[in-house]
Amino acid sequence: MRNATVMASVAVLGVMAVTGLARGNMLTNGGFDDNGGSIDGWQVTGGNVTTNLHTTHTNPLGWVTNPVDGTHFVGHGINTSNSYGALYQTVAVASGVEVTVDFSWKTLWNLAAEPAYVAINNTSSAPSISGNFFKGLESSCEYVDSYTGAMSSWAHVSETFDSAGYITVSVFTTDNGASSSAAYTAFDAVSVTPEPATIGLLCVGAAGMLKRRNR
């Protein structure tokens, strides 16, 4: 009986570790403040991409943008026509766990007729990111939004859903030849947080299965 209890406890801790209960936000460097300001943990894809860290930013209209929290936010865009680029991060979350994804975004300026995008993708396997970021991933979008032009204030997004296994959060810019300088977009305060209720159910299930096996 004692061994069964120990094994059940190990199972519970294992589920907690896999789902990220012990560390809250499963995403790395969601505020872009690690190591004094960086994009550590994030990936960049595409050609002729511009990705900069900002403590503040003033666009040509005189609109000032400051971080949502912390001391930095990231600005992402592309600087040639007929190009594309994405800043993204993928995290593994146990299938069936309810998660909440939060982030803030704002187009700082847009000299093209092409929109900037933000997206949350939910897939059963880690996505292969190459070429056009959205190609083949449209059906897995839990959330997607776009904006053409400059936004005067941050837009805050919060989405809750059941994980399929891998969650990708991204900001994406494309330019199909409308201009030599497409949208430049701010991104900050990004988090992927498991909901305690579903983690508890998984823990109880794991413990129960092990106890039955060891009777």
N, C-alpha and C. Protein backbone atom coordinates (compact mmCIF):
# COMPACT_ATOMS: atom_id res chain seq x y z
N MET A 1 0.83 -1.21 0.00
CA MET A 1 0.00 0.00 0.00
C MET A 1 0.86 1.26 0.00
N ARG A 2 1.95 1.22 0.81
CA ARG A 2 2.82 2.38 0.88
C ARG A 2 3.47 2.65 -0.47
N ASN A 3 3.91 1.57 -1.16
CA ASN A 3 4.51 1.74 -2.49
C ASN A 3 3.52 2.35 -3.47
N ALA A 4 2.26 1.89 -3.37
CA ALA A 4 1.24 2.42 -4.27
C ALA A 4 1.03 3.91 -4.04
N THR A 5 1.05 4.32 -2.76
CA THR A 5 0.87 5.74 -2.44
C THR A 5 2.03 6.57 -2.97
N VAL A 6 3.26 6.02 -2.80
CA VAL A 6 4.43 6.72 -3.30
C VAL A 6 4.37 6.87 -4.80
N MET A 7 4.00 5.78 -5.49
CA MET A 7 3.93 5.82 -6.95
C MET A 7 2.84 6.78 -7.42
N ALA A 8 1.73 6.80 -6.68
CA ALA A 8 0.66 7.73 -7.04
C ALA A 8 1.12 9.17 -6.88
N SER A 9 1.87 9.43 -5.82
CA SER A 9 2.39 10.78 -5.60
C SER A 9 3.35 11.17 -6.71
N VAL A 10 4.18 10.22 -7.14
CA VAL A 10 5.11 10.49 -8.24
C VAL A 10 4.33 10.79 -9.51
N ALA A 11 3.25 10.05 -9.74
CA ALA A 11 2.43 10.30 -10.93
C ALA A 11 1.84 11.70 -10.92
N VAL A 12 1.35 12.11 -9.74
CA VAL A 12 0.77 13.44 -9.61
C VAL A 12 1.82 14.51 -9.92
N LEU A 13 3.02 14.34 -9.33
CA LEU A 13 4.09 15.30 -9.59
C LEU A 13 4.48 15.31 -11.06
N GLY A 14 4.46 14.13 -11.69
CA GLY A 14 4.79 14.04 -13.11
C GLY A 14 3.81 14.80 -13.96
N VAL A 15 2.52 14.63 -13.68
CA VAL A 15 1.50 15.36 -14.43
C VAL A 15 1.65 16.85 -14.21
N MET A 16 1.94 17.26 -12.97
CA MET A 16 2.13 18.68 -12.68
C MET A 16 3.30 19.24 -13.46
N ALA A 17 4.38 18.47 -13.56
CA ALA A 17 5.56 18.93 -14.29
C ALA A 17 5.28 19.06 -15.77
N VAL A 18 4.58 18.06 -16.34
CA VAL A 18 4.28 18.06 -17.77
C VAL A 18 3.36 19.22 -18.13
N THR A 19 2.38 19.49 -17.28
CA THR A 19 1.41 20.53 -17.60
C THR A 19 1.89 21.92 -17.20
N GLY A 20 2.93 22.02 -16.40
CA GLY A 20 3.48 23.31 -16.05
C GLY A 20 2.88 23.96 -14.83
N LEU A 21 2.15 23.17 -14.01
CA LEU A 21 1.51 23.75 -12.83
C LEU A 21 2.53 24.42 -11.92
N ALA A 22 3.71 23.81 -11.78
CA ALA A 22 4.68 24.31 -10.82
C ALA A 22 5.29 25.64 -11.24
N ARG A 23 5.20 26.00 -12.52
CA ARG A 23 5.88 27.22 -12.96
C ARG A 23 4.96 28.24 -13.59
N GLY A 24 3.65 28.03 -13.51
CA GLY A 24 2.72 29.04 -14.01
C GLY A 24 2.81 29.20 -15.52
N ASN A 25 3.34 30.33 -15.96
CA ASN A 25 3.48 30.59 -17.39
C ASN A 25 4.49 29.62 -18.00
N MET A 26 4.04 28.81 -18.95
CA MET A 26 4.91 27.82 -19.57
C MET A 26 5.77 28.42 -20.67
N LEU A 27 5.43 29.60 -21.12
CA LEU A 27 6.15 30.23 -22.21
C LEU A 27 7.40 30.94 -21.67
N THR A 28 8.49 30.88 -22.40
CA THR A 28 9.75 31.49 -21.98
C THR A 28 9.82 32.96 -22.39
N ASN A 29 10.15 33.82 -21.43
CA ASN A 29 10.45 35.22 -21.74
C ASN A 29 9.29 35.91 -22.44
N GLY A 30 8.10 35.76 -21.87
CA GLY A 30 6.92 36.36 -22.50
C GLY A 30 6.88 37.87 -22.42
N GLY A 31 7.69 38.46 -21.53
CA GLY A 31 7.73 39.92 -21.42
C GLY A 31 8.94 40.53 -22.08
N PHE A 32 9.79 39.69 -22.68
CA PHE A 32 11.00 40.14 -23.40
C PHE A 32 11.96 40.91 -22.49
N ASP A 33 11.97 40.55 -21.19
CA ASP A 33 12.84 41.23 -20.23
C ASP A 33 14.01 40.35 -19.76
N ASP A 34 14.04 39.08 -20.15
CA ASP A 34 15.13 38.20 -19.71
C ASP A 34 16.48 38.75 -20.13
N ASN A 35 17.47 38.56 -19.26
CA ASN A 35 18.86 38.97 -19.55
C ASN A 35 18.96 40.44 -19.94
N GLY A 36 18.19 41.27 -19.25
CA GLY A 36 18.27 42.70 -19.50
C GLY A 36 17.54 43.15 -20.74
N GLY A 37 16.70 42.29 -21.30
CA GLY A 37 15.98 42.58 -22.54
C GLY A 37 16.47 41.72 -23.67
N SER A 38 15.62 40.79 -24.17
CA SER A 38 16.05 39.87 -25.22
C SER A 38 14.84 39.20 -25.83
N ILE A 39 15.09 38.44 -26.92
CA ILE A 39 14.05 37.58 -27.48
C ILE A 39 14.40 36.12 -27.21
N ASP A 40 15.16 35.87 -26.14
CA ASP A 40 15.50 34.49 -25.76
C ASP A 40 14.24 33.65 -25.64
N GLY A 41 14.27 32.45 -26.20
CA GLY A 41 13.12 31.56 -26.17
C GLY A 41 12.22 31.67 -27.38
N TRP A 42 12.38 32.73 -28.16
CA TRP A 42 11.55 32.97 -29.34
C TRP A 42 12.30 32.60 -30.61
N GLN A 43 11.54 32.28 -31.65
CA GLN A 43 12.10 31.96 -32.96
C GLN A 43 11.64 32.98 -33.98
N VAL A 44 12.50 33.26 -34.96
CA VAL A 44 12.16 34.18 -36.05
C VAL A 44 12.28 33.44 -37.37
N THR A 45 11.28 33.57 -38.23
CA THR A 45 11.32 32.95 -39.54
C THR A 45 11.03 33.99 -40.61
N GLY A 46 11.46 33.71 -41.83
CA GLY A 46 11.22 34.62 -42.94
C GLY A 46 12.48 35.34 -43.36
N GLY A 47 12.37 36.13 -44.40
CA GLY A 47 13.51 36.86 -44.93
C GLY A 47 13.37 38.35 -44.74
N ASN A 48 14.51 39.04 -44.59
CA ASN A 48 14.52 40.50 -44.43
C ASN A 48 13.63 40.95 -43.27
N VAL A 49 13.78 40.26 -42.15
CA VAL A 49 12.95 40.51 -40.98
C VAL A 49 13.62 41.52 -40.07
N THR A 50 12.82 42.41 -39.50
CA THR A 50 13.28 43.36 -38.49
C THR A 50 12.65 43.00 -37.16
N THR A 51 13.48 42.70 -36.15
CA THR A 51 12.99 42.40 -34.81
C THR A 51 13.82 43.19 -33.81
N ASN A 52 13.19 44.14 -33.14
CA ASN A 52 13.91 45.04 -32.22
C ASN A 52 13.26 45.05 -30.85
N LEU A 53 14.08 45.25 -29.82
CA LEU A 53 13.59 45.47 -28.47
C LEU A 53 13.42 46.96 -28.23
N HIS A 54 12.35 47.31 -27.52
CA HIS A 54 12.08 48.72 -27.22
C HIS A 54 11.76 48.90 -25.74
N THR A 55 12.22 50.00 -25.17
CA THR A 55 11.74 50.43 -23.87
C THR A 55 10.64 51.47 -24.04
N THR A 56 10.66 52.15 -25.17
CA THR A 56 9.58 53.05 -25.59
C THR A 56 9.72 53.25 -27.10
N HIS A 57 8.64 53.69 -27.73
CA HIS A 57 8.67 53.89 -29.18
C HIS A 57 7.70 55.00 -29.53
N THR A 58 8.13 55.89 -30.43
CA THR A 58 7.26 56.94 -30.94
C THR A 58 7.18 56.81 -32.45
N ASN A 59 5.97 56.65 -32.98
CA ASN A 59 5.81 56.47 -34.43
C ASN A 59 5.71 57.83 -35.13
N PRO A 60 5.67 57.85 -36.46
CA PRO A 60 5.63 59.14 -37.18
C PRO A 60 4.42 60.01 -36.86
N LEU A 61 3.37 59.42 -36.30
CA LEU A 61 2.20 60.20 -35.92
C LEU A 61 2.36 60.83 -34.54
N GLY A 62 3.47 60.51 -33.86
CA GLY A 62 3.71 61.04 -32.52
C GLY A 62 3.11 60.20 -31.41
N TRP A 63 2.56 59.02 -31.76
CA TRP A 63 1.98 58.14 -30.74
C TRP A 63 3.10 57.40 -30.01
N VAL A 64 3.07 57.49 -28.69
CA VAL A 64 4.11 56.87 -27.86
C VAL A 64 3.61 55.52 -27.35
N THR A 65 4.47 54.51 -27.45
CA THR A 65 4.15 53.17 -26.95
C THR A 65 5.16 52.78 -25.88
N ASN A 66 4.67 52.36 -24.71
CA ASN A 66 5.49 51.86 -23.62
C ASN A 66 5.12 50.42 -23.33
N PRO A 67 5.99 49.67 -22.64
CA PRO A 67 5.69 48.26 -22.34
C PRO A 67 4.39 48.10 -21.55
N VAL A 68 3.72 46.98 -21.78
CA VAL A 68 2.53 46.65 -21.00
C VAL A 68 2.92 46.36 -19.56
N ASP A 69 3.98 45.59 -19.38
CA ASP A 69 4.57 45.37 -18.07
C ASP A 69 6.08 45.19 -18.24
N GLY A 70 6.82 45.25 -17.16
CA GLY A 70 8.26 45.14 -17.27
C GLY A 70 8.87 46.37 -17.92
N THR A 71 10.01 46.17 -18.58
CA THR A 71 10.76 47.30 -19.13
C THR A 71 10.95 47.22 -20.65
N HIS A 72 10.53 46.13 -21.29
CA HIS A 72 10.74 45.98 -22.73
C HIS A 72 9.50 45.42 -23.42
N PHE A 73 9.39 45.71 -24.69
CA PHE A 73 8.50 44.98 -25.59
C PHE A 73 9.25 44.77 -26.88
N VAL A 74 8.74 43.91 -27.74
CA VAL A 74 9.42 43.62 -28.99
C VAL A 74 8.64 44.24 -30.15
N GLY A 75 9.37 44.74 -31.14
CA GLY A 75 8.76 45.20 -32.37
C GLY A 75 9.20 44.29 -33.50
N HIS A 76 8.24 43.86 -34.32
CA HIS A 76 8.56 42.88 -35.37
C HIS A 76 7.94 43.31 -36.69
N GLY A 77 8.72 43.21 -37.77
CA GLY A 77 8.20 43.52 -39.10
C GLY A 77 9.16 43.05 -40.17
N ILE A 78 8.88 43.39 -41.39
CA ILE A 78 9.75 43.07 -42.52
C ILE A 78 10.04 44.37 -43.27
N ASN A 79 11.12 44.38 -44.04
CA ASN A 79 11.51 45.64 -44.69
C ASN A 79 11.75 45.53 -46.18
N THR A 80 11.18 44.51 -46.81
CA THR A 80 11.20 44.44 -48.27
C THR A 80 9.85 43.97 -48.77
N SER A 81 9.54 44.28 -50.02
CA SER A 81 8.28 43.82 -50.60
C SER A 81 8.38 42.34 -50.96
N ASN A 82 7.21 41.74 -51.15
CA ASN A 82 7.11 40.32 -51.51
C ASN A 82 7.86 39.43 -50.53
N SER A 83 7.68 39.72 -49.24
CA SER A 83 8.36 38.95 -48.21
C SER A 83 7.37 38.65 -47.09
N TYR A 84 7.84 37.97 -46.07
CA TYR A 84 7.02 37.61 -44.92
C TYR A 84 7.96 37.31 -43.76
N GLY A 85 7.40 37.32 -42.57
CA GLY A 85 8.21 36.98 -41.41
C GLY A 85 7.34 36.78 -40.19
N ALA A 86 7.80 35.96 -39.26
CA ALA A 86 7.05 35.68 -38.03
C ALA A 86 7.99 35.61 -36.84
N LEU A 87 7.50 36.06 -35.71
CA LEU A 87 8.13 35.84 -34.41
C LEU A 87 7.20 34.91 -33.66
N TYR A 88 7.71 33.77 -33.19
CA TYR A 88 6.80 32.78 -32.60
C TYR A 88 7.50 31.96 -31.53
N GLN A 89 6.68 31.29 -30.73
CA GLN A 89 7.17 30.33 -29.75
C GLN A 89 6.15 29.21 -29.59
N THR A 90 6.64 27.98 -29.54
CA THR A 90 5.79 26.81 -29.36
C THR A 90 6.09 26.17 -28.01
N VAL A 91 5.05 25.82 -27.25
CA VAL A 91 5.22 25.13 -25.98
C VAL A 91 4.38 23.86 -25.99
N ALA A 92 4.88 22.82 -25.33
CA ALA A 92 4.15 21.55 -25.20
C ALA A 92 3.29 21.61 -23.94
N VAL A 93 2.00 21.32 -24.10
CA VAL A 93 1.06 21.26 -22.98
C VAL A 93 0.28 19.96 -23.13
N ALA A 94 0.20 19.17 -22.10
CA ALA A 94 -0.45 17.86 -22.18
C ALA A 94 -1.84 17.99 -22.80
N SER A 95 -2.14 17.09 -23.71
CA SER A 95 -3.42 17.09 -24.39
C SER A 95 -4.57 17.00 -23.40
N GLY A 96 -5.58 17.83 -23.59
CA GLY A 96 -6.75 17.82 -22.73
C GLY A 96 -6.70 18.82 -21.60
N VAL A 97 -5.53 19.39 -21.33
CA VAL A 97 -5.41 20.39 -20.28
C VAL A 97 -5.96 21.72 -20.78
N GLU A 98 -6.81 22.35 -20.00
CA GLU A 98 -7.33 23.66 -20.36
C GLU A 98 -6.28 24.72 -20.08
N VAL A 99 -6.02 25.56 -21.06
CA VAL A 99 -5.00 26.60 -20.92
C VAL A 99 -5.61 27.96 -21.28
N THR A 100 -5.00 28.98 -20.73
CA THR A 100 -5.35 30.35 -21.10
C THR A 100 -4.13 31.01 -21.71
N VAL A 101 -4.29 31.56 -22.90
CA VAL A 101 -3.22 32.27 -23.59
C VAL A 101 -3.55 33.76 -23.57
N ASP A 102 -2.61 34.54 -23.06
CA ASP A 102 -2.79 35.99 -23.00
C ASP A 102 -1.64 36.67 -23.73
N PHE A 103 -1.92 37.78 -24.39
CA PHE A 103 -0.87 38.62 -24.95
C PHE A 103 -1.45 39.99 -25.30
N SER A 104 -0.54 40.93 -25.52
CA SER A 104 -0.93 42.27 -25.97
C SER A 104 -0.18 42.57 -27.26
N TRP A 105 -0.85 43.26 -28.18
CA TRP A 105 -0.21 43.58 -29.45
C TRP A 105 -0.71 44.93 -29.96
N LYS A 106 0.09 45.52 -30.85
CA LYS A 106 -0.24 46.85 -31.38
C LYS A 106 0.59 47.11 -32.62
N THR A 107 -0.04 47.48 -33.71
CA THR A 107 0.71 47.88 -34.89
C THR A 107 1.26 49.29 -34.65
N LEU A 108 2.59 49.41 -34.71
CA LEU A 108 3.23 50.70 -34.44
C LEU A 108 3.14 51.63 -35.64
N TRP A 109 3.31 51.05 -36.83
CA TRP A 109 3.04 51.79 -38.06
C TRP A 109 2.84 50.78 -39.17
N ASN A 110 2.27 51.23 -40.26
CA ASN A 110 2.02 50.36 -41.40
C ASN A 110 2.04 51.20 -42.66
N LEU A 111 3.09 51.06 -43.45
CA LEU A 111 3.24 51.83 -44.67
C LEU A 111 2.75 51.06 -45.90
N ALA A 112 2.20 49.88 -45.65
CA ALA A 112 1.74 49.03 -46.76
C ALA A 112 0.24 48.80 -46.65
N ALA A 113 -0.31 48.22 -47.70
CA ALA A 113 -1.72 47.86 -47.69
C ALA A 113 -1.93 46.45 -47.16
N GLU A 114 -0.91 45.89 -46.54
CA GLU A 114 -0.97 44.53 -46.02
C GLU A 114 -1.12 44.57 -44.49
N PRO A 115 -1.94 43.69 -43.93
CA PRO A 115 -2.14 43.71 -42.48
C PRO A 115 -1.04 43.00 -41.71
N ALA A 116 -0.95 43.31 -40.42
CA ALA A 116 -0.18 42.51 -39.47
C ALA A 116 -1.13 41.50 -38.83
N TYR A 117 -0.60 40.36 -38.46
CA TYR A 117 -1.41 39.29 -37.88
C TYR A 117 -0.86 38.88 -36.52
N VAL A 118 -1.76 38.39 -35.66
CA VAL A 118 -1.38 37.65 -34.47
C VAL A 118 -2.20 36.37 -34.48
N ALA A 119 -1.62 35.28 -33.94
CA ALA A 119 -2.33 34.01 -34.00
C ALA A 119 -1.95 33.11 -32.84
N ILE A 120 -2.88 32.23 -32.48
CA ILE A 120 -2.64 31.14 -31.54
C ILE A 120 -3.00 29.86 -32.27
N ASN A 121 -2.02 28.97 -32.42
CA ASN A 121 -2.26 27.69 -33.07
C ASN A 121 -2.21 26.57 -32.04
N ASN A 122 -3.09 25.57 -32.21
CA ASN A 122 -3.24 24.46 -31.29
C ASN A 122 -3.15 23.16 -32.08
N THR A 123 -2.02 22.44 -31.98
CA THR A 123 -1.77 21.28 -32.82
C THR A 123 -1.41 20.06 -31.96
N SER A 124 -1.63 18.85 -32.53
CA SER A 124 -1.34 17.61 -31.81
C SER A 124 0.13 17.22 -31.91
N SER A 125 0.88 17.83 -32.82
CA SER A 125 2.32 17.61 -32.92
C SER A 125 3.01 18.96 -33.13
N ALA A 126 4.29 19.02 -32.82
CA ALA A 126 5.01 20.29 -32.96
C ALA A 126 5.00 20.72 -34.42
N PRO A 127 4.55 21.94 -34.72
CA PRO A 127 4.46 22.38 -36.11
C PRO A 127 5.84 22.59 -36.72
N SER A 128 5.95 22.29 -37.99
CA SER A 128 7.18 22.57 -38.72
C SER A 128 7.07 23.95 -39.32
N ILE A 129 7.85 24.88 -38.82
CA ILE A 129 7.74 26.27 -39.23
C ILE A 129 8.76 26.56 -40.32
N SER A 130 8.27 26.77 -41.53
CA SER A 130 9.14 27.14 -42.64
C SER A 130 8.29 27.78 -43.72
N GLY A 131 8.93 28.62 -44.54
CA GLY A 131 8.17 29.28 -45.60
C GLY A 131 7.09 30.17 -45.01
N ASN A 132 5.97 30.26 -45.68
CA ASN A 132 4.86 31.05 -45.19
C ASN A 132 4.34 30.45 -43.89
N PHE A 133 4.43 31.21 -42.80
CA PHE A 133 4.14 30.68 -41.47
C PHE A 133 2.76 30.07 -41.37
N PHE A 134 1.75 30.69 -41.98
CA PHE A 134 0.39 30.22 -41.82
C PHE A 134 0.03 29.06 -42.75
N LYS A 135 0.84 28.81 -43.76
CA LYS A 135 0.49 27.78 -44.72
C LYS A 135 0.37 26.41 -44.04
N GLY A 136 -0.78 25.81 -44.13
CA GLY A 136 -1.01 24.51 -43.53
C GLY A 136 -1.42 24.56 -42.07
N LEU A 137 -1.44 25.75 -41.46
CA LEU A 137 -1.79 25.86 -40.05
C LEU A 137 -3.13 26.56 -39.82
N GLU A 138 -3.77 26.99 -40.90
CA GLU A 138 -5.00 27.77 -40.75
C GLU A 138 -6.06 27.02 -39.94
N SER A 139 -6.19 25.72 -40.18
CA SER A 139 -7.24 24.95 -39.53
C SER A 139 -7.00 24.75 -38.04
N SER A 140 -5.76 25.01 -37.58
CA SER A 140 -5.45 24.79 -36.17
C SER A 140 -5.48 26.09 -35.37
N CYS A 141 -5.94 27.18 -35.98
CA CYS A 141 -5.97 28.46 -35.28
C CYS A 141 -7.09 28.49 -34.23
N GLU A 142 -6.71 28.66 -32.98
CA GLU A 142 -7.69 28.91 -31.94
C GLU A 142 -8.09 30.38 -31.96
N TYR A 143 -7.17 31.21 -32.47
CA TYR A 143 -7.42 32.65 -32.52
C TYR A 143 -6.53 33.24 -33.61
N VAL A 144 -7.08 34.14 -34.39
CA VAL A 144 -6.28 34.91 -35.36
C VAL A 144 -6.94 36.27 -35.53
N ASP A 145 -6.11 37.29 -35.61
CA ASP A 145 -6.63 38.63 -35.82
C ASP A 145 -5.63 39.40 -36.69
N SER A 146 -6.09 40.46 -37.32
CA SER A 146 -5.20 41.25 -38.17
C SER A 146 -5.63 42.70 -38.13
N TYR A 147 -4.69 43.57 -38.53
CA TYR A 147 -5.00 45.00 -38.56
C TYR A 147 -4.13 45.67 -39.60
N THR A 148 -4.75 46.54 -40.38
CA THR A 148 -4.01 47.34 -41.36
C THR A 148 -4.03 48.79 -40.90
N GLY A 149 -2.87 49.39 -40.76
CA GLY A 149 -2.77 50.74 -40.24
C GLY A 149 -2.09 50.75 -38.89
N ALA A 150 -2.02 51.92 -38.25
CA ALA A 150 -1.40 52.05 -36.94
C ALA A 150 -2.48 52.05 -35.86
N MET A 151 -2.24 51.34 -34.78
CA MET A 151 -3.18 51.28 -33.66
C MET A 151 -2.74 52.28 -32.59
N SER A 152 -3.69 53.01 -32.02
CA SER A 152 -3.35 54.04 -31.04
C SER A 152 -3.12 53.49 -29.65
N SER A 153 -3.55 52.25 -29.38
CA SER A 153 -3.38 51.67 -28.06
C SER A 153 -3.19 50.16 -28.17
N TRP A 154 -2.68 49.56 -27.11
CA TRP A 154 -2.49 48.11 -27.07
C TRP A 154 -3.84 47.38 -27.14
N ALA A 155 -3.89 46.27 -27.84
CA ALA A 155 -5.03 45.37 -27.82
C ALA A 155 -4.66 44.17 -26.96
N HIS A 156 -5.50 43.84 -26.01
CA HIS A 156 -5.23 42.73 -25.09
C HIS A 156 -6.10 41.53 -25.46
N VAL A 157 -5.47 40.38 -25.60
CA VAL A 157 -6.14 39.16 -26.02
C VAL A 157 -6.03 38.11 -24.92
N SER A 158 -7.14 37.41 -24.62
CA SER A 158 -7.14 36.30 -23.68
C SER A 158 -8.06 35.22 -24.21
N GLU A 159 -7.50 34.02 -24.47
CA GLU A 159 -8.26 32.91 -25.03
C GLU A 159 -8.04 31.67 -24.15
N THR A 160 -9.13 30.96 -23.83
CA THR A 160 -9.06 29.73 -23.04
C THR A 160 -9.61 28.57 -23.86
N PHE A 161 -8.87 27.46 -23.90
CA PHE A 161 -9.27 26.29 -24.69
C PHE A 161 -8.51 25.07 -24.19
N ASP A 162 -8.90 23.87 -24.68
CA ASP A 162 -8.21 22.63 -24.32
C ASP A 162 -7.04 22.40 -25.26
N SER A 163 -5.89 22.12 -24.68
CA SER A 163 -4.69 21.89 -25.50
C SER A 163 -4.81 20.60 -26.29
N ALA A 164 -4.31 20.65 -27.54
CA ALA A 164 -4.20 19.44 -28.36
C ALA A 164 -2.81 18.81 -28.22
N GLY A 165 -1.90 19.50 -27.54
CA GLY A 165 -0.55 18.98 -27.34
C GLY A 165 0.53 20.03 -27.48
N TYR A 166 0.38 20.93 -28.48
CA TYR A 166 1.37 21.97 -28.72
C TYR A 166 0.66 23.28 -29.04
N ILE A 167 1.10 24.35 -28.40
CA ILE A 167 0.49 25.66 -28.60
C ILE A 167 1.56 26.62 -29.12
N THR A 168 1.25 27.28 -30.22
CA THR A 168 2.17 28.24 -30.84
C THR A 168 1.54 29.63 -30.82
N VAL A 169 2.27 30.60 -30.28
CA VAL A 169 1.82 31.98 -30.25
C VAL A 169 2.72 32.78 -31.18
N SER A 170 2.13 33.61 -32.05
CA SER A 170 2.95 34.28 -33.06
C SER A 170 2.43 35.66 -33.42
N VAL A 171 3.35 36.49 -33.89
CA VAL A 171 3.01 37.73 -34.59
C VAL A 171 3.61 37.58 -35.98
N PHE A 172 2.83 37.92 -37.00
CA PHE A 172 3.20 37.59 -38.38
C PHE A 172 2.95 38.77 -39.29
N THR A 173 3.88 39.02 -40.18
CA THR A 173 3.74 40.13 -41.14
C THR A 173 4.01 39.61 -42.53
N THR A 174 3.22 40.08 -43.49
CA THR A 174 3.45 39.72 -44.89
C THR A 174 3.31 40.96 -45.76
N ASP A 175 4.00 40.96 -46.89
CA ASP A 175 3.92 42.08 -47.83
C ASP A 175 3.95 41.49 -49.23
N ASN A 176 2.85 41.63 -49.93
CA ASN A 176 2.75 41.07 -51.28
C ASN A 176 3.10 42.07 -52.36
N GLY A 177 3.99 42.99 -52.05
CA GLY A 177 4.46 43.93 -53.06
C GLY A 177 3.85 45.30 -53.00
N ALA A 178 3.00 45.54 -51.98
CA ALA A 178 2.34 46.85 -51.89
C ALA A 178 3.31 47.95 -51.51
N SER A 179 4.38 47.62 -50.82
CA SER A 179 5.32 48.64 -50.36
C SER A 179 6.64 47.98 -50.03
N SER A 180 7.68 48.79 -49.90
CA SER A 180 8.98 48.26 -49.49
C SER A 180 9.10 48.17 -47.98
N SER A 181 8.08 48.58 -47.24
CA SER A 181 8.12 48.52 -45.78
C SER A 181 6.74 48.20 -45.26
N ALA A 182 6.57 47.00 -44.73
CA ALA A 182 5.25 46.56 -44.28
C ALA A 182 5.05 46.88 -42.80
N ALA A 183 4.00 46.33 -42.22
CA ALA A 183 3.62 46.63 -40.85
C ALA A 183 4.73 46.31 -39.86
N TYR A 184 4.85 47.17 -38.86
CA TYR A 184 5.79 46.97 -37.77
C TYR A 184 4.94 46.87 -36.51
N THR A 185 5.02 45.74 -35.82
CA THR A 185 4.04 45.39 -34.79
C THR A 185 4.70 45.14 -33.44
N ALA A 186 4.13 45.69 -32.39
CA ALA A 186 4.60 45.49 -31.02
C ALA A 186 3.90 44.27 -30.41
N PHE A 187 4.64 43.54 -29.55
CA PHE A 187 4.15 42.32 -28.93
C PHE A 187 4.68 42.31 -27.50
N ASP A 188 3.84 41.97 -26.52
CA ASP A 188 4.29 42.00 -25.12
C ASP A 188 3.35 41.19 -24.24
N ALA A 189 3.83 40.90 -23.03
CA ALA A 189 3.03 40.26 -21.98
C ALA A 189 2.37 38.97 -22.46
N VAL A 190 3.17 38.07 -23.03
CA VAL A 190 2.65 36.82 -23.59
C VAL A 190 2.75 35.71 -22.55
N SER A 191 1.68 34.97 -22.36
CA SER A 191 1.69 33.87 -21.39
C SER A 191 0.82 32.71 -21.87
N VAL A 192 1.23 31.51 -21.49
CA VAL A 192 0.46 30.28 -21.72
C VAL A 192 0.36 29.60 -20.36
N THR A 193 -0.82 29.63 -19.76
CA THR A 193 -0.98 29.19 -18.37
C THR A 193 -2.02 28.08 -18.26
N PRO A 194 -1.64 26.90 -17.74
CA PRO A 194 -2.62 25.81 -17.52
C PRO A 194 -3.63 26.21 -16.45
N GLU A 195 -4.86 25.77 -16.62
CA GLU A 195 -5.89 26.03 -15.62
C GLU A 195 -5.85 24.95 -14.55
N PRO A 196 -5.82 25.32 -13.26
CA PRO A 196 -5.67 24.34 -12.18
C PRO A 196 -6.74 23.25 -12.15
N ALA A 197 -7.96 23.58 -12.53
CA ALA A 197 -9.04 22.59 -12.43
C ALA A 197 -8.77 21.35 -13.28
N THR A 198 -8.35 21.53 -14.54
CA THR A 198 -8.10 20.37 -15.39
C THR A 198 -6.83 19.65 -14.99
N ILE A 199 -5.84 20.38 -14.47
CA ILE A 199 -4.63 19.72 -13.98
C ILE A 199 -4.99 18.82 -12.81
N GLY A 200 -5.87 19.31 -11.92
CA GLY A 200 -6.29 18.49 -10.78
C GLY A 200 -6.97 17.21 -11.22
N LEU A 201 -7.81 17.29 -12.24
CA LEU A 201 -8.48 16.09 -12.74
C LEU A 201 -7.48 15.09 -13.30
N LEU A 202 -6.48 15.58 -14.04
CA LEU A 202 -5.44 14.68 -14.55
C LEU A 202 -4.65 14.03 -13.43
N CYS A 203 -4.34 14.79 -12.40
CA CYS A 203 -3.59 14.24 -11.26
C CYS A 203 -4.39 13.16 -10.56
N VAL A 204 -5.68 13.43 -10.32
CA VAL A 204 -6.53 12.44 -9.66
C VAL A 204 -6.62 11.17 -10.50
N GLY A 205 -6.77 11.35 -11.81
CA GLY A 205 -6.84 10.18 -12.69
C GLY A 205 -5.58 9.37 -12.68
N ALA A 206 -4.42 10.04 -12.73
CA ALA A 206 -3.15 9.31 -12.71
C ALA A 206 -2.96 8.56 -11.41
N ALA A 207 -3.30 9.21 -10.29
CA ALA A 207 -3.14 8.57 -8.99
C ALA A 207 -4.07 7.37 -8.87
N GLY A 208 -5.31 7.54 -9.35
CA GLY A 208 -6.27 6.44 -9.26
C GLY A 208 -5.86 5.23 -10.08
N MET A 209 -5.35 5.46 -11.27
CA MET A 209 -4.91 4.35 -12.11
C MET A 209 -3.77 3.57 -11.47
N LEU A 210 -2.81 4.28 -10.88
CA LEU A 210 -1.70 3.59 -10.25
C LEU A 210 -2.12 2.81 -9.01
N LYS A 211 -3.03 3.37 -8.25
CA LYS A 211 -3.51 2.66 -7.06
C LYS A 211 -4.21 1.36 -7.44
N ARG A 212 -5.03 1.43 -8.50
CA ARG A 212 -5.73 0.22 -8.95
C ARG A 212 -4.74 -0.83 -9.44
N ARG A 213 -3.68 -0.38 -10.12
CA ARG A 213 -2.69 -1.33 -10.65
C ARG A 213 -1.90 -2.00 -9.54
N ASN A 214 -1.79 -1.34 -8.39
CA ASN A 214 -0.94 -1.88 -7.33
C ASN A 214 -1.73 -2.53 -6.20
N ARG A 215 -3.02 -2.73 -6.38
CA ARG A 215 -3.81 -3.43 -5.35
C ARG A 215 -3.53 -4.93 -5.42
